[in-house]
Amino acid sequence: MTTEEKLALLEETFDMDEGSLEPDMELADIDEFDSIAKLSLIVLMDDEFGKTIKSDDIKALETVQDILDMME
């Protein structure tokens, strides 16, 4: 899966406009990255990538690139 595909998947998960996420964006600056988005990310990682992540993993994320790295 390409970076662009991963970003599109995240945009869909966070209910954001297509093309609105960039890898260097700080998650704290993204209004849509709220508690519901965090839960959706946990489900996404399990369903699409077979990875189990915990709330501590979410708290450690700082940028969109951190999420992309977890998708590897």
PDB file of N, CA and C in Angstrom:
ATOM      1  N   MET A   1       0.853  -1.178   0.000  1.00  0.00           N
ATOM      2  CA  MET A   1       0.000   0.000   0.000  1.00  0.00           C
ATOM      3  C   MET A   1       0.899   1.242   0.000  1.00  0.00           C
ATOM      4  N   THR A   2       0.590   2.164  -0.883  1.00  0.00           N
ATOM      5  CA  THR A   2       1.403   3.365  -0.996  1.00  0.00           C
ATOM      6  C   THR A   2       1.061   4.356   0.121  1.00  0.00           C
ATOM      7  N   THR A   3       1.929   5.330   0.302  1.00  0.00           N
ATOM      8  CA  THR A   3       1.681   6.378   1.292  1.00  0.00           C
ATOM      9  C   THR A   3       0.386   7.112   0.971  1.00  0.00           C
ATOM     10  N   GLU A   4       0.157   7.381  -0.305  1.00  0.00           N
ATOM     11  CA  GLU A   4      -1.066   8.088  -0.707  1.00  0.00           C
ATOM     12  C   GLU A   4      -2.308   7.280  -0.351  1.00  0.00           C
ATOM     13  N   GLU A   5      -2.244   5.965  -0.549  1.00  0.00           N
ATOM     14  CA  GLU A   5      -3.375   5.095  -0.207  1.00  0.00           C
ATOM     15  C   GLU A   5      -3.615   5.079   1.300  1.00  0.00           C
ATOM     16  N   LYS A   6      -2.526   5.046   2.057  1.00  0.00           N
ATOM     17  CA  LYS A   6      -2.651   5.066   3.524  1.00  0.00           C
ATOM     18  C   LYS A   6      -3.251   6.388   3.995  1.00  0.00           C
ATOM     19  N   LEU A   7      -2.784   7.501   3.407  1.00  0.00           N
ATOM     20  CA  LEU A   7      -3.335   8.806   3.780  1.00  0.00           C
ATOM     21  C   LEU A   7      -4.829   8.877   3.445  1.00  0.00           C
ATOM     22  N   ALA A   8      -5.220   8.341   2.293  1.00  0.00           N
ATOM     23  CA  ALA A   8      -6.631   8.333   1.900  1.00  0.00           C
ATOM     24  C   ALA A   8      -7.455   7.504   2.883  1.00  0.00           C
ATOM     25  N   LEU A   9      -6.897   6.386   3.324  1.00  0.00           N
ATOM     26  CA  LEU A   9      -7.580   5.542   4.303  1.00  0.00           C
ATOM     27  C   LEU A   9      -7.754   6.279   5.627  1.00  0.00           C
ATOM     28  N   LEU A  10      -6.722   7.004   6.055  1.00  0.00           N
ATOM     29  CA  LEU A  10      -6.816   7.786   7.287  1.00  0.00           C
ATOM     30  C   LEU A  10      -7.825   8.922   7.144  1.00  0.00           C
ATOM     31  N   GLU A  11      -7.820   9.578   6.009  1.00  0.00           N
ATOM     32  CA  GLU A  11      -8.781  10.667   5.779  1.00  0.00           C
ATOM     33  C   GLU A  11     -10.210  10.143   5.843  1.00  0.00           C
ATOM     34  N   GLU A  12     -10.426   8.975   5.275  1.00  0.00           N
ATOM     35  CA  GLU A  12     -11.760   8.365   5.332  1.00  0.00           C
ATOM     36  C   GLU A  12     -12.113   7.990   6.772  1.00  0.00           C
ATOM     37  N   THR A  13     -11.163   7.418   7.479  1.00  0.00           N
ATOM     38  CA  THR A  13     -11.375   7.008   8.868  1.00  0.00           C
ATOM     39  C   THR A  13     -11.687   8.198   9.760  1.00  0.00           C
ATOM     40  N   PHE A  14     -10.989   9.322   9.536  1.00  0.00           N
ATOM     41  CA  PHE A  14     -11.169  10.513  10.372  1.00  0.00           C
ATOM     42  C   PHE A  14     -12.242  11.449   9.823  1.00  0.00           C
ATOM     43  N   ASP A  15     -12.927  11.027   8.754  1.00  0.00           N
ATOM     44  CA  ASP A  15     -13.989  11.819   8.125  1.00  0.00           C
ATOM     45  C   ASP A  15     -13.472  13.200   7.701  1.00  0.00           C
ATOM     46  N   MET A  16     -12.364  13.165   6.959  1.00  0.00           N
ATOM     47  CA  MET A  16     -11.729  14.391   6.479  1.00  0.00           C
ATOM     48  C   MET A  16     -11.813  14.459   4.954  1.00  0.00           C
ATOM     49  N   ASP A  17     -11.655  15.656   4.413  1.00  0.00           N
ATOM     50  CA  ASP A  17     -11.641  15.831   2.966  1.00  0.00           C
ATOM     51  C   ASP A  17     -10.426  15.145   2.360  1.00  0.00           C
ATOM     52  N   GLU A  18     -10.608  14.614   1.160  1.00  0.00           N
ATOM     53  CA  GLU A  18      -9.517  13.963   0.442  1.00  0.00           C
ATOM     54  C   GLU A  18      -8.390  14.959   0.195  1.00  0.00           C
ATOM     55  N   GLY A  19      -7.169  14.522   0.447  1.00  0.00           N
ATOM     56  CA  GLY A  19      -6.008  15.363   0.224  1.00  0.00           C
ATOM     57  C   GLY A  19      -5.690  16.331   1.346  1.00  0.00           C
ATOM     58  N   SER A  20      -6.363  16.186   2.485  1.00  0.00           N
ATOM     59  CA  SER A  20      -6.159  17.151   3.573  1.00  0.00           C
ATOM     60  C   SER A  20      -5.067  16.734   4.563  1.00  0.00           C
ATOM     61  N   LEU A  21      -4.604  15.501   4.495  1.00  0.00           N
ATOM     62  CA  LEU A  21      -3.548  15.047   5.412  1.00  0.00           C
ATOM     63  C   LEU A  21      -2.198  15.014   4.713  1.00  0.00           C
ATOM     64  N   GLU A  22      -1.175  15.402   5.459  1.00  0.00           N
ATOM     65  CA  GLU A  22       0.214  15.319   5.006  1.00  0.00           C
ATOM     66  C   GLU A  22       1.008  14.616   6.104  1.00  0.00           C
ATOM     67  N   PRO A  23       2.025  13.834   5.737  1.00  0.00           N
ATOM     68  CA  PRO A  23       2.790  13.092   6.744  1.00  0.00           C
ATOM     69  C   PRO A  23       3.394  13.943   7.859  1.00  0.00           C
ATOM     70  N   ASP A  24       3.767  15.186   7.562  1.00  0.00           N
ATOM     71  CA  ASP A  24       4.442  16.002   8.572  1.00  0.00           C
ATOM     72  C   ASP A  24       3.485  16.773   9.484  1.00  0.00           C
ATOM     73  N   MET A  25       2.190  16.567   9.324  1.00  0.00           N
ATOM     74  CA  MET A  25       1.211  17.282  10.154  1.00  0.00           C
ATOM     75  C   MET A  25       1.220  16.769  11.595  1.00  0.00           C
ATOM     76  N   GLU A  26       1.134  17.702  12.540  1.00  0.00           N
ATOM     77  CA  GLU A  26       1.042  17.357  13.957  1.00  0.00           C
ATOM     78  C   GLU A  26      -0.395  16.938  14.266  1.00  0.00           C
ATOM     79  N   LEU A  27      -0.548  15.806  14.928  1.00  0.00           N
ATOM     80  CA  LEU A  27      -1.892  15.319  15.253  1.00  0.00           C
ATOM     81  C   LEU A  27      -2.631  16.280  16.177  1.00  0.00           C
ATOM     82  N   ALA A  28      -1.922  16.964  17.036  1.00  0.00           N
ATOM     83  CA  ALA A  28      -2.544  17.917  17.960  1.00  0.00           C
ATOM     84  C   ALA A  28      -3.202  19.079  17.218  1.00  0.00           C
ATOM     85  N   ASP A  29      -2.747  19.339  15.990  1.00  0.00           N
ATOM     86  CA  ASP A  29      -3.287  20.439  15.194  1.00  0.00           C
ATOM     87  C   ASP A  29      -4.463  20.024  14.310  1.00  0.00           C
ATOM     88  N   ILE A  30      -4.811  18.736  14.334  1.00  0.00           N
ATOM     89  CA  ILE A  30      -5.892  18.221  13.492  1.00  0.00           C
ATOM     90  C   ILE A  30      -7.152  18.103  14.336  1.00  0.00           C
ATOM     91  N   ASP A  31      -8.115  18.983  14.089  1.00  0.00           N
ATOM     92  CA  ASP A  31      -9.357  19.003  14.864  1.00  0.00           C
ATOM     93  C   ASP A  31     -10.098  17.667  14.815  1.00  0.00           C
ATOM     94  N   GLU A  32     -10.050  17.001  13.673  1.00  0.00           N
ATOM     95  CA  GLU A  32     -10.773  15.742  13.501  1.00  0.00           C
ATOM     96  C   GLU A  32     -10.154  14.580  14.276  1.00  0.00           C
ATOM     97  N   PHE A  33      -8.926  14.743  14.766  1.00  0.00           N
ATOM     98  CA  PHE A  33      -8.269  13.667  15.518  1.00  0.00           C
ATOM     99  C   PHE A  33      -8.720  13.737  16.973  1.00  0.00           C
ATOM    100  N   ASP A  34      -9.981  13.354  17.184  1.00  0.00           N
ATOM    101  CA  ASP A  34     -10.579  13.380  18.515  1.00  0.00           C
ATOM    102  C   ASP A  34     -10.690  11.956  19.056  1.00  0.00           C
ATOM    103  N   SER A  35     -11.409  11.798  20.155  1.00  0.00           N
ATOM    104  CA  SER A  35     -11.509  10.482  20.791  1.00  0.00           C
ATOM    105  C   SER A  35     -12.164   9.448  19.873  1.00  0.00           C
ATOM    106  N   ILE A  36     -13.148   9.870  19.088  1.00  0.00           N
ATOM    107  CA  ILE A  36     -13.794   8.939  18.154  1.00  0.00           C
ATOM    108  C   ILE A  36     -12.804   8.522  17.062  1.00  0.00           C
ATOM    109  N   ALA A  37     -12.026   9.458  16.569  1.00  0.00           N
ATOM    110  CA  ALA A  37     -11.020   9.147  15.543  1.00  0.00           C
ATOM    111  C   ALA A  37      -9.972   8.185  16.100  1.00  0.00           C
ATOM    112  N   LYS A  38      -9.613   8.359  17.349  1.00  0.00           N
ATOM    113  CA  LYS A  38      -8.627   7.469  17.968  1.00  0.00           C
ATOM    114  C   LYS A  38      -9.173   6.053  18.070  1.00  0.00           C
ATOM    115  N   LEU A  39     -10.439   5.920  18.462  1.00  0.00           N
ATOM    116  CA  LEU A  39     -11.067   4.593  18.502  1.00  0.00           C
ATOM    117  C   LEU A  39     -11.147   3.996  17.101  1.00  0.00           C
ATOM    118  N   SER A  40     -11.488   4.824  16.137  1.00  0.00           N
ATOM    119  CA  SER A  40     -11.559   4.362  14.746  1.00  0.00           C
ATOM    120  C   SER A  40     -10.195   3.899  14.257  1.00  0.00           C
ATOM    121  N   LEU A  41      -9.138   4.583  14.691  1.00  0.00           N
ATOM    122  CA  LEU A  41      -7.784   4.187  14.313  1.00  0.00           C
ATOM    123  C   LEU A  41      -7.438   2.811  14.884  1.00  0.00           C
ATOM    124  N   ILE A  42      -7.831   2.562  16.116  1.00  0.00           N
ATOM    125  CA  ILE A  42      -7.588   1.252  16.736  1.00  0.00           C
ATOM    126  C   ILE A  42      -8.276   0.160  15.928  1.00  0.00           C
ATOM    127  N   VAL A  43      -9.534   0.395  15.539  1.00  0.00           N
ATOM    128  CA  VAL A  43     -10.278  -0.583  14.743  1.00  0.00           C
ATOM    129  C   VAL A  43      -9.641  -0.750  13.368  1.00  0.00           C
ATOM    130  N   LEU A  44      -9.268   0.357  12.737  1.00  0.00           N
ATOM    131  CA  LEU A  44      -8.626   0.304  11.429  1.00  0.00           C
ATOM    132  C   LEU A  44      -7.354  -0.534  11.468  1.00  0.00           C
ATOM    133  N   MET A  45      -6.518  -0.291  12.450  1.00  0.00           N
ATOM    134  CA  MET A  45      -5.246  -1.020  12.537  1.00  0.00           C
ATOM    135  C   MET A  45      -5.483  -2.512  12.714  1.00  0.00           C
ATOM    136  N   ASP A  46      -6.509  -2.873  13.475  1.00  0.00           N
ATOM    137  CA  ASP A  46      -6.830  -4.279  13.681  1.00  0.00           C
ATOM    138  C   ASP A  46      -7.404  -4.900  12.413  1.00  0.00           C
ATOM    139  N   ASP A  47      -8.399  -4.241  11.821  1.00  0.00           N
ATOM    140  CA  ASP A  47      -9.087  -4.796  10.660  1.00  0.00           C
ATOM    141  C   ASP A  47      -8.231  -4.826   9.404  1.00  0.00           C
ATOM    142  N   GLU A  48      -7.537  -3.740   9.115  1.00  0.00           N
ATOM    143  CA  GLU A  48      -6.805  -3.619   7.849  1.00  0.00           C
ATOM    144  C   GLU A  48      -5.370  -4.139   7.913  1.00  0.00           C
ATOM    145  N   PHE A  49      -4.747  -4.040   9.098  1.00  0.00           N
ATOM    146  CA  PHE A  49      -3.333  -4.368   9.193  1.00  0.00           C
ATOM    147  C   PHE A  49      -3.035  -5.485  10.193  1.00  0.00           C
ATOM    148  N   GLY A  50      -4.071  -5.989  10.873  1.00  0.00           N
ATOM    149  CA  GLY A  50      -3.888  -7.086  11.819  1.00  0.00           C
ATOM    150  C   GLY A  50      -3.019  -6.726  13.005  1.00  0.00           C
ATOM    151  N   LYS A  51      -3.012  -5.442  13.366  1.00  0.00           N
ATOM    152  CA  LYS A  51      -2.182  -4.977  14.478  1.00  0.00           C
ATOM    153  C   LYS A  51      -3.074  -4.523  15.624  1.00  0.00           C
ATOM    154  N   THR A  52      -2.695  -4.922  16.819  1.00  0.00           N
ATOM    155  CA  THR A  52      -3.411  -4.491  18.008  1.00  0.00           C
ATOM    156  C   THR A  52      -2.642  -3.334  18.630  1.00  0.00           C
ATOM    157  N   ILE A  53      -3.307  -2.191  18.752  1.00  0.00           N
ATOM    158  CA  ILE A  53      -2.672  -1.048  19.393  1.00  0.00           C
ATOM    159  C   ILE A  53      -3.501  -0.640  20.598  1.00  0.00           C
ATOM    160  N   LYS A  54      -2.816  -0.094  21.569  1.00  0.00           N
ATOM    161  CA  LYS A  54      -3.459   0.284  22.829  1.00  0.00           C
ATOM    162  C   LYS A  54      -3.509   1.803  22.946  1.00  0.00           C
ATOM    163  N   SER A  55      -4.222   2.262  23.943  1.00  0.00           N
ATOM    164  CA  SER A  55      -4.346   3.711  24.137  1.00  0.00           C
ATOM    165  C   SER A  55      -2.977   4.352  24.375  1.00  0.00           C
ATOM    166  N   ASP A  56      -2.062   3.651  25.034  1.00  0.00           N
ATOM    167  CA  ASP A  56      -0.713   4.191  25.239  1.00  0.00           C
ATOM    168  C   ASP A  56       0.004   4.399  23.907  1.00  0.00           C
ATOM    169  N   ASP A  57      -0.249   3.488  22.953  1.00  0.00           N
ATOM    170  CA  ASP A  57       0.338   3.639  21.617  1.00  0.00           C
ATOM    171  C   ASP A  57      -0.205   4.893  20.945  1.00  0.00           C
ATOM    172  N   ILE A  58      -1.500   5.134  21.107  1.00  0.00           N
ATOM    173  CA  ILE A  58      -2.143   6.313  20.520  1.00  0.00           C
ATOM    174  C   ILE A  58      -1.576   7.585  21.153  1.00  0.00           C
ATOM    175  N   LYS A  59      -1.411   7.572  22.468  1.00  0.00           N
ATOM    176  CA  LYS A  59      -0.889   8.754  23.169  1.00  0.00           C
ATOM    177  C   LYS A  59       0.526   9.105  22.723  1.00  0.00           C
ATOM    178  N   ALA A  60       1.280   8.113  22.284  1.00  0.00           N
ATOM    179  CA  ALA A  60       2.666   8.337  21.869  1.00  0.00           C
ATOM    180  C   ALA A  60       2.769   8.937  20.463  1.00  0.00           C
ATOM    181  N   LEU A  61       1.675   8.895  19.707  1.00  0.00           N
ATOM    182  CA  LEU A  61       1.692   9.427  18.343  1.00  0.00           C
ATOM    183  C   LEU A  61       1.746  10.944  18.361  1.00  0.00           C
ATOM    184  N   GLU A  62       2.598  11.511  17.521  1.00  0.00           N
ATOM    185  CA  GLU A  62       2.717  12.967  17.431  1.00  0.00           C
ATOM    186  C   GLU A  62       2.379  13.507  16.050  1.00  0.00           C
ATOM    187  N   THR A  63       2.726  12.745  15.005  1.00  0.00           N
ATOM    188  CA  THR A  63       2.496  13.217  13.641  1.00  0.00           C
ATOM    189  C   THR A  63       1.745  12.157  12.829  1.00  0.00           C
ATOM    190  N   VAL A  64       1.247  12.574  11.689  1.00  0.00           N
ATOM    191  CA  VAL A  64       0.609  11.625  10.768  1.00  0.00           C
ATOM    192  C   VAL A  64       1.619  10.567  10.349  1.00  0.00           C
ATOM    193  N   GLN A  65       2.883  10.959  10.197  1.00  0.00           N
ATOM    194  CA  GLN A  65       3.929   9.999   9.819  1.00  0.00           C
ATOM    195  C   GLN A  65       4.051   8.888  10.850  1.00  0.00           C
ATOM    196  N   ASP A  66       3.861   9.200  12.125  1.00  0.00           N
ATOM    197  CA  ASP A  66       3.903   8.164  13.162  1.00  0.00           C
ATOM    198  C   ASP A  66       2.840   7.098  12.908  1.00  0.00           C
ATOM    199  N   ILE A  67       1.658   7.524  12.477  1.00  0.00           N
ATOM    200  CA  ILE A  67       0.598   6.568  12.156  1.00  0.00           C
ATOM    201  C   ILE A  67       0.991   5.770  10.918  1.00  0.00           C
ATOM    202  N   LEU A  68       1.516   6.432   9.913  1.00  0.00           N
ATOM    203  CA  LEU A  68       1.941   5.739   8.696  1.00  0.00           C
ATOM    204  C   LEU A  68       3.008   4.691   9.015  1.00  0.00           C
ATOM    205  N   ASP A  69       3.915   5.024   9.908  1.00  0.00           N
ATOM    206  CA  ASP A  69       4.958   4.066  10.308  1.00  0.00           C
ATOM    207  C   ASP A  69       4.358   2.830  10.974  1.00  0.00           C
ATOM    208  N   MET A  70       3.286   3.028  11.751  1.00  0.00           N
ATOM    209  CA  MET A  70       2.632   1.894  12.408  1.00  0.00           C
ATOM    210  C   MET A  70       1.941   0.984  11.395  1.00  0.00           C
ATOM    211  N   MET A  71       1.610   1.516  10.240  1.00  0.00           N
ATOM    212  CA  MET A  71       0.907   0.749   9.219  1.00  0.00           C
ATOM    213  C   MET A  71       1.827  -0.178   8.435  1.00  0.00           C
ATOM    214  N   GLU A  72       3.121  -0.065   8.636  1.00  0.00           N
ATOM    215  CA  GLU A  72       4.083  -0.905   7.904  1.00  0.00           C
ATOM    216  C   GLU A  72       3.944  -2.351   8.286  1.00  0.00           C
TER     217      GLU A  72
END
